[in-house]
Amino acid sequence: MRKIDFIGNRKIFGMVSLILFVGSIVLIQVKGVKKNVDFAGGTQVMVTFADSSIKTKTIRDLVEPIDKKATVYHNEDDTSASFTIKIKSPEVEKGKEAEASLERLHKLEAGFASINNDEKKLLDFVNTLPEEKVVQSLVIGNILGVTGTDTDIESAYKDIYSKMKEQLAGSNTIGELAGKVAPENAAKMEQALRLAFPSVNRVTRDLFNATLIKFNPLNRDLSADYLDIADQIVAYREGHDDFVTDMNDLTASLKVQEGEDAEKLNDFLKGHFTLGSYNITSNSTFSPSIAAELLSKAWEAILFAIIGILIYISMRFTMGYAVASVVALIHDVVIALGAFSLVGAELSNPVVAAFLTIVGYSLNDTIVVFDRIRENIRNHRKAELPVVMNNSINQTLSRTLVTSLTTFMVVIVIYFGANVTLKDFAFPLLIGIIVGTYSSIFVASPVLLFWSKTIKPINKEK
């Protein structure tokens, strides 16, 4: 079998590695590396559906038009259809972040509602209510900020109600109806309608209390609250797997104070709250500073992995082998990160896992070559070290290439057949496999030879 002179051409390949390494560093510094919501900050929403058959793909398909790189996880410890969604903060003008986040939340809610046609059910519900109830709900909320006397405000919302009645039958979503009724102020109109007729499954204890205080269906003193009713509603919901499925059963379970008319409360709840098929259990934002801390911990994980490798190989082999391995690892990670920056992919938790995989994969190939070098040094002590190294690389070449090619084919399938998140995971692996195979031959061994010639000869060690 013809032997390839890898060591003899080490200067040529060393120059190639240097160009790729320096080029990657420059690219990372100039272009930077995009970060996904895990490391850039954004919004985290936890949502649970009454229908336990809903799959992660369904939620991902709904979220993708809002944020293509959003992350969606199924909460595996939950027996219901419970999901965590992370969306990066929208890139908008300064001062408009809150408005943009609210708009995206409404889009998410519309998407969640579409799964079980909640939006259409809500519109049908509003269509059955008498004018006075709809107008009263809109007036008390007054999200549109109508000014003037009480009569002026009521008159303005009566006009809005008239427009709503004309458009209700031909609308399928709250957003669509809002756009028809108030095209110049559609976002606020949509918010007004959602707040006027919320889902009993999505309202918090405090919001129940605030809503009941505003409408005061039991005619309590102005200084009195409705926490007793709010607590009963929340307790009922929690006792039914966090979902109210029968409004009549809920209202029948509520106890009012002595002298109060329970029927008034029941009528109010039935005419103001819908059921809804999903529940947003958490909606929180996390800042870039918190995300930066997560990113710092991720790089620490890679750094500690490299330090651990340095210690292990120095014990298993010698320090020269350890240093050569780490140089090859750093070479692989930097070039893979440079390629990642070049294509504009986003750094995420799965991507950090991919880089840790690159570290392990690259090391595996390198150790195979080093083990053969050490074995051949022991068996051929009089032979020149470059010759021993070259023979060792040639002897392990077929094994290295077959292993790399097999892994490469598997990752190719993942890359072209998976969703966006897995593609971002697979891409650095593709680069890492190529660069890792290259470095185990053209970087690690030449560095080991350099160490042996300039610092401590490895063929003199026992």
Foldseek 3Di string as FASTA:
>chain_A
DDFDQQLVCLVVVVVVLVCLLVLLVVLCVPLNFAAFCLQAWFKKWKKFFLAQVDDQVLLLVQCCVVPVPKDKDAPVVDSGRMIMIGHHQDDDDPPCSVVVNLVSVVSSVQSQCVVVLNFLVLLVLVLPDDLVLLLVLLLLVVLVVDDDDSVRSSVVSSLLVVQLNVCSVVDSGLLVSLCRSCVPPSSSSSVSSCLQADALLADALVSVFVVCLSVVLQPDPNPDIDSLQSVLSQVVCVVVVSFDDDLVVSLVSDDDDPPTDSVSVSVCCSSGYDGGGMYGPDMDIDHSVVSNVVVVVLVVVVVVVLVVQQVVCCVVANNLLSVLLSVLLSSLLSSLSSVSSVVNAHDDPLQSVLSSVLSVVLSVLLVQLVVQLLVQLVVCVPDDSSVSSSVSCRVCVVVLVVVLVVVLVVLVCQLVPHRSVSVSNSSSNNSSSVSSSVCSSNRSSNSSVVCCVPPNNSSVDD
